Amino acid sequence: MFRKELLKKFTGKRILVIGDFMVDEYIKGTVERISPEAPVPVVEAKGITLKPGGAANVVANIRALGGKAVPLGVVGNDEAGDRLKELLKEMGINTETLLTDPSRPTTRKTRIIAGSQQLLRVDWESRDYLTKEVERELISFLLSNYREFDAIIISDYGKGVVTRELFKHTGKIKREVPVFLDPKEKNFDIYSKVTTMTPNMKETFQAVGVTPETDSKAEEAGRRLIEKYSLDYAVVTRSEKGLSVVTEREAKHIPTRAKQVFDVTGAGDTVISAFALSVAAGATPFEAGEIANLAAGVVVGKLGTATATVEEIEEAAEKLLVE
């Protein structure tokens, strides 16, 4: 069930976003010849676009939906880190809670695109876990301030910010503030005691050994996730099949709302952002799933890392009613 009034309540909701903050760089151009040096296309670059990526894209999604996001993560002492802070500040985000660690680079993903076709991606990153000193500083902020937020999102891209120590505290925190986790296969052995997690089909199989290709398999996988990771409920994203919200007693399978798919980059960021805001606004998990699914349908129809707005979600919902 879709309740339009929930979207109006997104405004002003405070969401803490913990995770791997990065820059998505797009080099766009055209291809008209093959290199004489090697059998590869020569891209005649026409321009470079920088966008917030990873956990920073979660922040961007929350902001686009009317919420107030606070980023808690780590950047390097480098140009990419400075540029990421600038991008966030342009959206009205305070970046004082982004810690600087000179020993690691700011994660940057460079995509080379000709027309609408991605030809190559180059990653600049460290996947080492945080130093104990930086980890203590991050967790200290969380423990001192979590009650000030309506929800907490942990956006794990496997770059080292999400650590085992973090989950020693989530069980206590989620009793007062819901905690939502977007997982990465690297860390399935450290997760526990969050409100929910939002694995995709591949991640779900890696976590519990069940591929959620059918509704019944999605329910089985969801309940295994609940038991194994001490979740209140599970949210399994199923690509073109939509998503499934599973509790211990019931489940709802929500078909995809996408009319056209240009790019799935960052769709998971949109799902968890819209879901967390919905719950913060008073939605049930099933209502939050409907809204998150509509938001995902919006962003996959855009090229590159993208966000959805409340107006776009409302429009998508209205089109469903007409159909």
C-alpha atoms as a PDB file:
ATOM      1  CA  MET A   1       0.000   0.000   0.000  1.00  0.00           C
ATOM      2  CA  PHE A   2       1.308   3.434  -0.987  1.00  0.00           C
ATOM      3  CA  ARG A   3       0.540   6.346   1.334  1.00  0.00           C
ATOM      4  CA  LYS A   4       1.418   9.653  -0.288  1.00  0.00           C
ATOM      5  CA  GLU A   5       1.342  11.492   3.024  1.00  0.00           C
ATOM      6  CA  LEU A   6       4.425   9.589   4.191  1.00  0.00           C
ATOM      7  CA  LEU A   7       6.525  11.363   1.544  1.00  0.00           C
ATOM      8  CA  LYS A   8       5.576  14.736   3.015  1.00  0.00           C
ATOM      9  CA  LYS A   9       7.052  13.638   6.331  1.00  0.00           C
ATOM     10  CA  PHE A  10      10.527  13.096   4.851  1.00  0.00           C
ATOM     11  CA  THR A  11      11.310  16.786   5.231  1.00  0.00           C
ATOM     12  CA  GLY A  12      13.609  17.439   8.150  1.00  0.00           C
ATOM     13  CA  LYS A  13      14.184  13.805   9.132  1.00  0.00           C
ATOM     14  CA  ARG A  14      17.764  13.459  10.355  1.00  0.00           C
ATOM     15  CA  ILE A  15      19.670  10.456   9.049  1.00  0.00           C
ATOM     16  CA  LEU A  16      23.214   9.540  10.068  1.00  0.00           C
ATOM     17  CA  VAL A  17      25.087   7.857   7.207  1.00  0.00           C
ATOM     18  CA  ILE A  18      28.102   5.750   8.193  1.00  0.00           C
ATOM     19  CA  GLY A  19      30.246   4.122   5.538  1.00  0.00           C
ATOM     20  CA  ASP A  20      32.598   4.330   2.603  1.00  0.00           C
ATOM     21  CA  PHE A  21      32.521   7.782   1.049  1.00  0.00           C
ATOM     22  CA  MET A  22      33.844   8.098  -2.479  1.00  0.00           C
ATOM     23  CA  VAL A  23      33.882  10.122  -5.673  1.00  0.00           C
ATOM     24  CA  ASP A  24      32.322   8.843  -8.890  1.00  0.00           C
ATOM     25  CA  GLU A  25      34.183  10.339 -11.867  1.00  0.00           C
ATOM     26  CA  TYR A  26      32.785  10.110 -15.394  1.00  0.00           C
ATOM     27  CA  ILE A  27      34.981  10.806 -18.417  1.00  0.00           C
ATOM     28  CA  LYS A  28      32.625  11.126 -21.384  1.00  0.00           C
ATOM     29  CA  GLY A  29      33.523  11.208 -25.039  1.00  0.00           C
ATOM     30  CA  THR A  30      33.148   9.594 -28.439  1.00  0.00           C
ATOM     31  CA  VAL A  31      34.860   6.702 -30.215  1.00  0.00           C
ATOM     32  CA  GLU A  32      35.655   6.937 -33.914  1.00  0.00           C
ATOM     33  CA  ARG A  33      38.842   4.910 -34.262  1.00  0.00           C
ATOM     34  CA  ILE A  34      40.945   2.102 -32.831  1.00  0.00           C
ATOM     35  CA  SER A  35      44.326   2.857 -31.289  1.00  0.00           C
ATOM     36  CA  PRO A  36      47.357   2.025 -33.476  1.00  0.00           C
ATOM     37  CA  GLU A  37      49.198   1.058 -30.268  1.00  0.00           C
ATOM     38  CA  ALA A  38      46.818  -1.717 -29.159  1.00  0.00           C
ATOM     39  CA  PRO A  39      43.427  -3.121 -30.231  1.00  0.00           C
ATOM     40  CA  VAL A  40      41.457  -0.743 -28.013  1.00  0.00           C
ATOM     41  CA  PRO A  41      39.117   2.161 -28.821  1.00  0.00           C
ATOM     42  CA  VAL A  42      40.396   5.715 -28.627  1.00  0.00           C
ATOM     43  CA  VAL A  43      38.005   7.868 -26.595  1.00  0.00           C
ATOM     44  CA  GLU A  44      38.033  11.513 -27.595  1.00  0.00           C
ATOM     45  CA  ALA A  45      37.184  13.060 -24.224  1.00  0.00           C
ATOM     46  CA  LYS A  46      34.561  15.781 -24.183  1.00  0.00           C
ATOM     47  CA  GLY A  47      34.271  16.391 -20.479  1.00  0.00           C
ATOM     48  CA  ILE A  48      34.569  15.149 -16.902  1.00  0.00           C
ATOM     49  CA  THR A  49      31.746  14.954 -14.359  1.00  0.00           C
ATOM     50  CA  LEU A  50      32.198  14.293 -10.643  1.00  0.00           C
ATOM     51  CA  LYS A  51      29.412  12.987  -8.408  1.00  0.00           C
ATOM     52  CA  PRO A  52      29.208  11.803  -4.798  1.00  0.00           C
ATOM     53  CA  GLY A  53      29.558   8.009  -4.722  1.00  0.00           C
ATOM     54  CA  GLY A  54      29.129   5.154  -2.259  1.00  0.00           C
ATOM     55  CA  ALA A  55      27.907   6.400   1.112  1.00  0.00           C
ATOM     56  CA  ALA A  56      28.092   9.931  -0.293  1.00  0.00           C
ATOM     57  CA  ASN A  57      25.454   8.944  -2.847  1.00  0.00           C
ATOM     58  CA  VAL A  58      23.258   7.795   0.040  1.00  0.00           C
ATOM     59  CA  VAL A  59      23.670  11.280   1.506  1.00  0.00           C
ATOM     60  CA  ALA A  60      22.767  12.789  -1.871  1.00  0.00           C
ATOM     61  CA  ASN A  61      19.649  10.615  -2.094  1.00  0.00           C
ATOM     62  CA  ILE A  62      18.485  11.589   1.379  1.00  0.00           C
ATOM     63  CA  ARG A  63      19.025  15.245   0.567  1.00  0.00           C
ATOM     64  CA  ALA A  64      17.135  14.942  -2.742  1.00  0.00           C
ATOM     65  CA  LEU A  65      14.188  13.389  -0.878  1.00  0.00           C
ATOM     66  CA  GLY A  66      14.037  16.245   1.622  1.00  0.00           C
ATOM     67  CA  GLY A  67      15.833  14.654   4.552  1.00  0.00           C
ATOM     68  CA  LYS A  68      18.814  15.972   6.494  1.00  0.00           C
ATOM     69  CA  ALA A  69      21.868  13.733   6.175  1.00  0.00           C
ATOM     70  CA  VAL A  70      24.981  13.746   8.332  1.00  0.00           C
ATOM     71  CA  PRO A  71      27.993  11.910   6.827  1.00  0.00           C
ATOM     72  CA  LEU A  72      30.240   9.882   9.133  1.00  0.00           C
ATOM     73  CA  GLY A  73      33.217   8.374   7.352  1.00  0.00           C
ATOM     74  CA  VAL A  74      36.786   8.888   6.213  1.00  0.00           C
ATOM     75  CA  VAL A  75      38.509  10.628   3.314  1.00  0.00           C
ATOM     76  CA  GLY A  76      42.170  10.989   2.436  1.00  0.00           C
ATOM     77  CA  ASN A  77      44.226  14.151   2.614  1.00  0.00           C
ATOM     78  CA  ASP A  78      44.054  14.582  -1.155  1.00  0.00           C
ATOM     79  CA  GLU A  79      42.377  16.392  -4.021  1.00  0.00           C
ATOM     80  CA  ALA A  80      39.619  13.801  -4.343  1.00  0.00           C
ATOM     81  CA  GLY A  81      38.737  14.221  -0.671  1.00  0.00           C
ATOM     82  CA  ASP A  82      38.621  17.996  -1.025  1.00  0.00           C
ATOM     83  CA  ARG A  83      36.456  17.708  -4.115  1.00  0.00           C
ATOM     84  CA  LEU A  84      34.065  15.302  -2.388  1.00  0.00           C
ATOM     85  CA  LYS A  85      33.608  17.733   0.478  1.00  0.00           C
ATOM     86  CA  GLU A  86      32.913  20.502  -2.031  1.00  0.00           C
ATOM     87  CA  LEU A  87      30.266  18.386  -3.756  1.00  0.00           C
ATOM     88  CA  LEU A  88      28.549  17.694  -0.440  1.00  0.00           C
ATOM     89  CA  LYS A  89      28.747  21.311   0.672  1.00  0.00           C
ATOM     90  CA  GLU A  90      27.100  22.363  -2.581  1.00  0.00           C
ATOM     91  CA  MET A  91      24.116  20.268  -1.461  1.00  0.00           C
ATOM     92  CA  GLY A  92      24.064  21.971   1.929  1.00  0.00           C
ATOM     93  CA  ILE A  93      25.749  19.089   3.781  1.00  0.00           C
ATOM     94  CA  ASN A  94      28.017  19.806   6.743  1.00  0.00           C
ATOM     95  CA  THR A  95      31.225  17.789   6.233  1.00  0.00           C
ATOM     96  CA  GLU A  96      32.826  18.333   9.645  1.00  0.00           C
ATOM     97  CA  THR A  97      32.068  14.717  10.563  1.00  0.00           C
ATOM     98  CA  LEU A  98      34.076  13.359   7.608  1.00  0.00           C
ATOM     99  CA  LEU A  99      37.349  12.350   9.239  1.00  0.00           C
ATOM    100  CA  THR A 100      40.663  12.750   7.384  1.00  0.00           C
ATOM    101  CA  ASP A 101      43.173   9.904   7.343  1.00  0.00           C
ATOM    102  CA  PRO A 102      46.398  10.871   5.492  1.00  0.00           C
ATOM    103  CA  SER A 103      47.464   7.202   5.346  1.00  0.00           C
ATOM    104  CA  ARG A 104      44.738   6.247   2.844  1.00  0.00           C
ATOM    105  CA  PRO A 105      43.407   7.726  -0.396  1.00  0.00           C
ATOM    106  CA  THR A 106      39.888   8.954  -0.933  1.00  0.00           C
ATOM    107  CA  THR A 107      38.142   6.250  -2.944  1.00  0.00           C
ATOM    108  CA  ARG A 108      37.609   7.393  -6.554  1.00  0.00           C
ATOM    109  CA  LYS A 109      35.940   5.362  -9.300  1.00  0.00           C
ATOM    110  CA  THR A 110      36.725   6.641 -12.785  1.00  0.00           C
ATOM    111  CA  ARG A 111      34.361   5.476 -15.519  1.00  0.00           C
ATOM    112  CA  ILE A 112      35.165   6.055 -19.197  1.00  0.00           C
ATOM    113  CA  ILE A 113      31.992   6.343 -21.257  1.00  0.00           C
ATOM    114  CA  ALA A 114      31.411   6.653 -25.000  1.00  0.00           C
ATOM    115  CA  GLY A 115      27.838   7.624 -25.795  1.00  0.00           C
ATOM    116  CA  SER A 116      25.847   5.635 -23.229  1.00  0.00           C
ATOM    117  CA  GLN A 117      28.310   2.706 -23.136  1.00  0.00           C
ATOM    118  CA  GLN A 118      30.767   2.289 -20.267  1.00  0.00           C
ATOM    119  CA  LEU A 119      34.091   1.095 -21.685  1.00  0.00           C
ATOM    120  CA  LEU A 120      36.280   0.925 -18.599  1.00  0.00           C
ATOM    121  CA  ARG A 121      36.373   1.624 -14.874  1.00  0.00           C
ATOM    122  CA  VAL A 122      39.495   2.515 -12.903  1.00  0.00           C
ATOM    123  CA  ASP A 123      39.390   2.388  -9.075  1.00  0.00           C
ATOM    124  CA  TRP A 124      41.682   4.357  -6.766  1.00  0.00           C
ATOM    125  CA  GLU A 125      41.228   3.005  -3.254  1.00  0.00           C
ATOM    126  CA  SER A 126      42.392   1.238  -0.114  1.00  0.00           C
ATOM    127  CA  ARG A 127      40.379  -1.701   1.202  1.00  0.00           C
ATOM    128  CA  ASP A 128      42.288  -1.947   4.475  1.00  0.00           C
ATOM    129  CA  TYR A 129      40.267  -1.563   7.662  1.00  0.00           C
ATOM    130  CA  LEU A 130      40.591   1.711   9.537  1.00  0.00           C
ATOM    131  CA  THR A 131      43.401   2.214  12.003  1.00  0.00           C
ATOM    132  CA  LYS A 132      42.291   1.728  15.598  1.00  0.00           C
ATOM    133  CA  GLU A 133      42.707   5.431  16.276  1.00  0.00           C
ATOM    134  CA  VAL A 134      40.408   6.513  13.442  1.00  0.00           C
ATOM    135  CA  GLU A 135      37.943   3.712  14.238  1.00  0.00           C
ATOM    136  CA  ARG A 136      37.703   4.876  17.874  1.00  0.00           C
ATOM    137  CA  GLU A 137      37.028   8.445  16.767  1.00  0.00           C
ATOM    138  CA  LEU A 138      34.256   7.349  14.420  1.00  0.00           C
ATOM    139  CA  ILE A 139      32.539   5.068  16.929  1.00  0.00           C
ATOM    140  CA  SER A 140      32.903   7.646  19.689  1.00  0.00           C
ATOM    141  CA  PHE A 141      30.910  10.136  17.604  1.00  0.00           C
ATOM    142  CA  LEU A 142      28.249   7.491  16.948  1.00  0.00           C
ATOM    143  CA  LEU A 143      27.818   6.543  20.602  1.00  0.00           C
ATOM    144  CA  SER A 144      27.703  10.162  21.728  1.00  0.00           C
ATOM    145  CA  ASN A 145      25.215  11.360  19.124  1.00  0.00           C
ATOM    146  CA  TYR A 146      23.002   8.531  17.811  1.00  0.00           C
ATOM    147  CA  ARG A 147      19.935   9.667  19.771  1.00  0.00           C
ATOM    148  CA  GLU A 148      19.879  12.896  17.756  1.00  0.00           C
ATOM    149  CA  PHE A 149      18.894  10.999  14.594  1.00  0.00           C
ATOM    150  CA  ASP A 150      15.656   9.509  13.285  1.00  0.00           C
ATOM    151  CA  ALA A 151      17.506   6.644  11.576  1.00  0.00           C
ATOM    152  CA  ILE A 152      21.037   5.388  10.929  1.00  0.00           C
ATOM    153  CA  ILE A 153      22.258   3.939   7.624  1.00  0.00           C
ATOM    154  CA  ILE A 154      25.418   1.859   7.363  1.00  0.00           C
ATOM    155  CA  SER A 155      26.558   1.956   3.735  1.00  0.00           C
ATOM    156  CA  ASP A 156      29.242  -0.696   3.334  1.00  0.00           C
ATOM    157  CA  TYR A 157      31.236  -0.756   0.091  1.00  0.00           C
ATOM    158  CA  GLY A 158      34.010  -2.925   1.522  1.00  0.00           C
ATOM    159  CA  LYS A 159      36.622  -0.148   1.697  1.00  0.00           C
ATOM    160  CA  GLY A 160      37.393  -0.585   5.398  1.00  0.00           C
ATOM    161  CA  VAL A 161      35.229   1.942   7.253  1.00  0.00           C
ATOM    162  CA  VAL A 162      32.652  -0.635   8.393  1.00  0.00           C
ATOM    163  CA  THR A 163      34.393  -2.787  10.999  1.00  0.00           C
ATOM    164  CA  ARG A 164      33.610  -5.566  13.464  1.00  0.00           C
ATOM    165  CA  GLU A 165      33.802  -3.136  16.374  1.00  0.00           C
ATOM    166  CA  LEU A 166      30.874  -1.144  14.975  1.00  0.00           C
ATOM    167  CA  PHE A 167      28.506  -4.089  15.387  1.00  0.00           C
ATOM    168  CA  LYS A 168      29.337  -4.460  19.048  1.00  0.00           C
ATOM    169  CA  HIS A 169      27.145  -1.385  19.544  1.00  0.00           C
ATOM    170  CA  THR A 170      24.336  -1.673  16.987  1.00  0.00           C
ATOM    171  CA  GLY A 171      22.224  -4.011  19.140  1.00  0.00           C
ATOM    172  CA  LYS A 172      21.942  -1.352  21.822  1.00  0.00           C
ATOM    173  CA  ILE A 173      21.446   1.485  19.356  1.00  0.00           C
ATOM    174  CA  LYS A 174      18.659  -0.155  17.321  1.00  0.00           C
ATOM    175  CA  ARG A 175      16.470  -0.395  20.421  1.00  0.00           C
ATOM    176  CA  GLU A 176      16.200   3.401  20.269  1.00  0.00           C
ATOM    177  CA  VAL A 177      16.987   4.322  16.645  1.00  0.00           C
ATOM    178  CA  PRO A 178      16.470   2.038  13.620  1.00  0.00           C
ATOM    179  CA  VAL A 179      19.705   0.910  11.961  1.00  0.00           C
ATOM    180  CA  PHE A 180      19.691   0.001   8.248  1.00  0.00           C
ATOM    181  CA  LEU A 181      22.590  -1.837   6.602  1.00  0.00           C
ATOM    182  CA  ASP A 182      23.503  -2.049   2.917  1.00  0.00           C
ATOM    183  CA  PRO A 183      25.930  -4.991   3.058  1.00  0.00           C
ATOM    184  CA  LYS A 184      29.011  -6.073   1.129  1.00  0.00           C
ATOM    185  CA  GLU A 185      30.146  -9.669   0.720  1.00  0.00           C
ATOM    186  CA  LYS A 186      33.526  -8.913   2.324  1.00  0.00           C
ATOM    187  CA  ASN A 187      31.930  -8.354   5.725  1.00  0.00           C
ATOM    188  CA  PHE A 188      29.131 -10.889   6.124  1.00  0.00           C
ATOM    189  CA  ASP A 189      31.041 -12.504   8.984  1.00  0.00           C
ATOM    190  CA  ILE A 190      31.018  -9.305  11.064  1.00  0.00           C
ATOM    191  CA  TYR A 191      27.402  -8.128  10.694  1.00  0.00           C
ATOM    192  CA  SER A 192      24.862  -8.559  13.489  1.00  0.00           C
ATOM    193  CA  LYS A 193      22.021  -6.899  15.387  1.00  0.00           C
ATOM    194  CA  VAL A 194      20.722  -4.244  13.005  1.00  0.00           C
ATOM    195  CA  THR A 195      17.092  -3.433  12.215  1.00  0.00           C
ATOM    196  CA  THR A 196      17.396  -4.745   8.677  1.00  0.00           C
ATOM    197  CA  MET A 197      19.814  -5.237   5.812  1.00  0.00           C
ATOM    198  CA  THR A 198      19.194  -4.860   2.070  1.00  0.00           C
ATOM    199  CA  PRO A 199      21.287  -7.453   0.183  1.00  0.00           C
ATOM    200  CA  ASN A 200      20.857  -8.010  -3.548  1.00  0.00           C
ATOM    201  CA  MET A 201      20.409 -11.493  -5.009  1.00  0.00           C
ATOM    202  CA  LYS A 202      24.115 -12.296  -5.203  1.00  0.00           C
ATOM    203  CA  GLU A 203      24.799 -10.977  -1.700  1.00  0.00           C
ATOM    204  CA  THR A 204      21.830 -12.916  -0.300  1.00  0.00           C
ATOM    205  CA  PHE A 205      23.236 -16.159  -1.676  1.00  0.00           C
ATOM    206  CA  GLN A 206      26.658 -15.359  -0.245  1.00  0.00           C
ATOM    207  CA  ALA A 207      25.138 -14.631   3.155  1.00  0.00           C
ATOM    208  CA  VAL A 208      22.764 -17.576   3.616  1.00  0.00           C
ATOM    209  CA  GLY A 209      23.252 -19.904   0.636  1.00  0.00           C
ATOM    210  CA  VAL A 210      19.812 -19.281  -0.913  1.00  0.00           C
ATOM    211  CA  THR A 211      19.283 -17.498  -4.237  1.00  0.00           C
ATOM    212  CA  PRO A 212      16.003 -15.524  -4.010  1.00  0.00           C
ATOM    213  CA  GLU A 213      14.906 -16.131  -7.593  1.00  0.00           C
ATOM    214  CA  THR A 214      11.319 -17.006  -6.622  1.00  0.00           C
ATOM    215  CA  ASP A 215       9.016 -15.554  -3.982  1.00  0.00           C
ATOM    216  CA  SER A 216       9.261 -18.693  -1.877  1.00  0.00           C
ATOM    217  CA  LYS A 217      13.057 -18.684  -2.044  1.00  0.00           C
ATOM    218  CA  ALA A 218      13.082 -14.989  -1.137  1.00  0.00           C
ATOM    219  CA  GLU A 219      11.010 -15.776   1.960  1.00  0.00           C
ATOM    220  CA  GLU A 220      13.328 -18.623   2.906  1.00  0.00           C
ATOM    221  CA  ALA A 221      16.386 -16.432   2.424  1.00  0.00           C
ATOM    222  CA  GLY A 222      14.816 -13.560   4.347  1.00  0.00           C
ATOM    223  CA  ARG A 223      14.071 -15.692   7.366  1.00  0.00           C
ATOM    224  CA  ARG A 224      17.569 -17.134   7.326  1.00  0.00           C
ATOM    225  CA  LEU A 225      18.939 -13.578   7.265  1.00  0.00           C
ATOM    226  CA  ILE A 226      16.730 -12.635  10.231  1.00  0.00           C
ATOM    227  CA  GLU A 227      17.944 -15.589  12.269  1.00  0.00           C
ATOM    228  CA  LYS A 228      21.616 -15.428  11.325  1.00  0.00           C
ATOM    229  CA  TYR A 229      22.084 -11.672  11.772  1.00  0.00           C
ATOM    230  CA  SER A 230      19.485 -10.936  14.479  1.00  0.00           C
ATOM    231  CA  LEU A 231      17.410  -8.666  12.229  1.00  0.00           C
ATOM    232  CA  ASP A 232      13.938  -7.329  12.961  1.00  0.00           C
ATOM    233  CA  TYR A 233      13.077  -8.082   9.303  1.00  0.00           C
ATOM    234  CA  ALA A 234      14.880  -8.513   5.978  1.00  0.00           C
ATOM    235  CA  VAL A 235      14.718  -6.568   2.710  1.00  0.00           C
ATOM    236  CA  VAL A 236      15.967  -8.540  -0.294  1.00  0.00           C
ATOM    237  CA  THR A 237      16.426  -6.612  -3.544  1.00  0.00           C
ATOM    238  CA  ARG A 238      15.795  -8.827  -6.550  1.00  0.00           C
ATOM    239  CA  SER A 239      16.820  -6.807  -9.624  1.00  0.00           C
ATOM    240  CA  GLU A 240      14.144  -6.923 -12.344  1.00  0.00           C
ATOM    241  CA  LYS A 241      11.856  -8.867  -9.953  1.00  0.00           C
ATOM    242  CA  GLY A 242      11.618  -5.968  -7.514  1.00  0.00           C
ATOM    243  CA  LEU A 243      12.169  -6.497  -3.803  1.00  0.00           C
ATOM    244  CA  SER A 244      10.864  -8.644  -0.962  1.00  0.00           C
ATOM    245  CA  VAL A 245      10.236  -7.525   2.613  1.00  0.00           C
ATOM    246  CA  VAL A 246      10.266 -10.510   4.954  1.00  0.00           C
ATOM    247  CA  THR A 247       9.363 -10.722   8.639  1.00  0.00           C
ATOM    248  CA  GLU A 248       9.310 -13.813  10.844  1.00  0.00           C
ATOM    249  CA  ARG A 249       5.617 -14.380  10.071  1.00  0.00           C
ATOM    250  CA  GLU A 250       4.821 -12.785   6.722  1.00  0.00           C
ATOM    251  CA  ALA A 251       6.332 -11.433   3.525  1.00  0.00           C
ATOM    252  CA  LYS A 252       5.474  -9.011   0.758  1.00  0.00           C
ATOM    253  CA  HIS A 253       6.914  -9.291  -2.739  1.00  0.00           C
ATOM    254  CA  ILE A 254       6.869  -5.980  -4.589  1.00  0.00           C
ATOM    255  CA  PRO A 255       7.372  -6.143  -8.365  1.00  0.00           C
ATOM    256  CA  THR A 256       9.758  -3.742 -10.055  1.00  0.00           C
ATOM    257  CA  ARG A 257       8.292  -0.382 -11.037  1.00  0.00           C
ATOM    258  CA  ALA A 258      10.992   0.525 -13.564  1.00  0.00           C
ATOM    259  CA  LYS A 259       9.659   1.302 -17.041  1.00  0.00           C
ATOM    260  CA  GLN A 260      13.092   1.503 -18.614  1.00  0.00           C
ATOM    261  CA  VAL A 261      16.568   0.681 -17.329  1.00  0.00           C
ATOM    262  CA  PHE A 262      19.551   2.745 -18.450  1.00  0.00           C
ATOM    263  CA  ASP A 263      21.913   2.273 -15.506  1.00  0.00           C
ATOM    264  CA  VAL A 264      21.652   0.413 -12.178  1.00  0.00           C
ATOM    265  CA  THR A 265      24.623   2.311 -10.668  1.00  0.00           C
ATOM    266  CA  GLY A 266      23.689   3.431  -7.163  1.00  0.00           C
ATOM    267  CA  ALA A 267      20.194   1.915  -7.187  1.00  0.00           C
ATOM    268  CA  GLY A 268      20.930   0.174  -3.884  1.00  0.00           C
ATOM    269  CA  ASP A 269      21.810   3.558  -2.365  1.00  0.00           C
ATOM    270  CA  THR A 270      18.419   4.883  -3.409  1.00  0.00           C
ATOM    271  CA  VAL A 271      16.595   1.852  -1.984  1.00  0.00           C
ATOM    272  CA  ILE A 272      18.126   2.124   1.472  1.00  0.00           C
ATOM    273  CA  SER A 273      17.777   5.932   1.555  1.00  0.00           C
ATOM    274  CA  ALA A 274      14.085   5.883   0.657  1.00  0.00           C
ATOM    275  CA  PHE A 275      13.430   2.916   2.940  1.00  0.00           C
ATOM    276  CA  ALA A 276      15.096   4.508   5.968  1.00  0.00           C
ATOM    277  CA  LEU A 277      13.324   7.833   5.432  1.00  0.00           C
ATOM    278  CA  SER A 278       9.999   6.037   5.085  1.00  0.00           C
ATOM    279  CA  VAL A 279      10.422   4.170   8.365  1.00  0.00           C
ATOM    280  CA  ALA A 280      11.571   7.399  10.052  1.00  0.00           C
ATOM    281  CA  ALA A 281       8.376   9.007   8.716  1.00  0.00           C
ATOM    282  CA  GLY A 282       6.219   6.316  10.310  1.00  0.00           C
ATOM    283  CA  ALA A 283       5.887   3.726   7.535  1.00  0.00           C
ATOM    284  CA  THR A 284       5.599   0.025   8.192  1.00  0.00           C
ATOM    285  CA  PRO A 285       8.354  -2.109   6.615  1.00  0.00           C
ATOM    286  CA  PHE A 286       5.948  -3.116   3.832  1.00  0.00           C
ATOM    287  CA  GLU A 287       4.985   0.501   3.104  1.00  0.00           C
ATOM    288  CA  ALA A 288       8.660   1.475   3.143  1.00  0.00           C
ATOM    289  CA  GLY A 289       9.349  -1.300   0.638  1.00  0.00           C
ATOM    290  CA  GLU A 290       6.738   0.110  -1.755  1.00  0.00           C
ATOM    291  CA  ILE A 291       8.246   3.579  -1.601  1.00  0.00           C
ATOM    292  CA  ALA A 292      11.828   2.339  -1.919  1.00  0.00           C
ATOM    293  CA  ASN A 293      10.853   0.242  -4.932  1.00  0.00           C
ATOM    294  CA  LEU A 294       9.247   3.234  -6.647  1.00  0.00           C
ATOM    295  CA  ALA A 295      12.367   5.326  -5.958  1.00  0.00           C
ATOM    296  CA  ALA A 296      14.615   2.633  -7.429  1.00  0.00           C
ATOM    297  CA  GLY A 297      12.440   2.529 -10.542  1.00  0.00           C
ATOM    298  CA  VAL A 298      13.072   6.229 -10.997  1.00  0.00           C
ATOM    299  CA  VAL A 299      16.866   6.155 -10.697  1.00  0.00           C
ATOM    300  CA  VAL A 300      17.524   3.170 -12.965  1.00  0.00           C
ATOM    301  CA  GLY A 301      15.921   5.191 -15.739  1.00  0.00           C
ATOM    302  CA  LYS A 302      18.747   7.733 -15.453  1.00  0.00           C
ATOM    303  CA  LEU A 303      22.337   7.427 -16.647  1.00  0.00           C
ATOM    304  CA  GLY A 304      25.076   7.305 -14.024  1.00  0.00           C
ATOM    305  CA  THR A 305      24.906   7.773 -10.257  1.00  0.00           C
ATOM    306  CA  ALA A 306      21.514   9.418  -9.719  1.00  0.00           C
ATOM    307  CA  THR A 307      18.903  10.366  -7.129  1.00  0.00           C
ATOM    308  CA  ALA A 308      15.120  10.447  -6.962  1.00  0.00           C
ATOM    309  CA  THR A 309      12.860  13.202  -5.646  1.00  0.00           C
ATOM    310  CA  VAL A 310       9.563  13.039  -3.785  1.00  0.00           C
ATOM    311  CA  GLU A 311       7.862  14.523  -6.844  1.00  0.00           C
ATOM    312  CA  GLU A 312       9.266  11.788  -9.097  1.00  0.00           C
ATOM    313  CA  ILE A 313       8.100   9.072  -6.701  1.00  0.00           C
ATOM    314  CA  GLU A 314       4.619  10.618  -6.579  1.00  0.00           C
ATOM    315  CA  GLU A 315       4.526  10.741 -10.372  1.00  0.00           C
ATOM    316  CA  ALA A 316       5.580   7.089 -10.628  1.00  0.00           C
ATOM    317  CA  ALA A 317       2.863   6.094  -8.144  1.00  0.00           C
ATOM    318  CA  GLU A 318       0.222   8.061 -10.068  1.00  0.00           C
ATOM    319  CA  LYS A 319       1.160   6.329 -13.299  1.00  0.00           C
ATOM    320  CA  LEU A 320       0.636   2.959 -11.615  1.00  0.00           C
ATOM    321  CA  LEU A 321      -2.875   3.991 -10.568  1.00  0.00           C
ATOM    322  CA  VAL A 322      -3.696   5.033 -14.136  1.00  0.00           C
ATOM    323  CA  GLU A 323      -2.462   1.713 -15.477  1.00  0.00           C
END
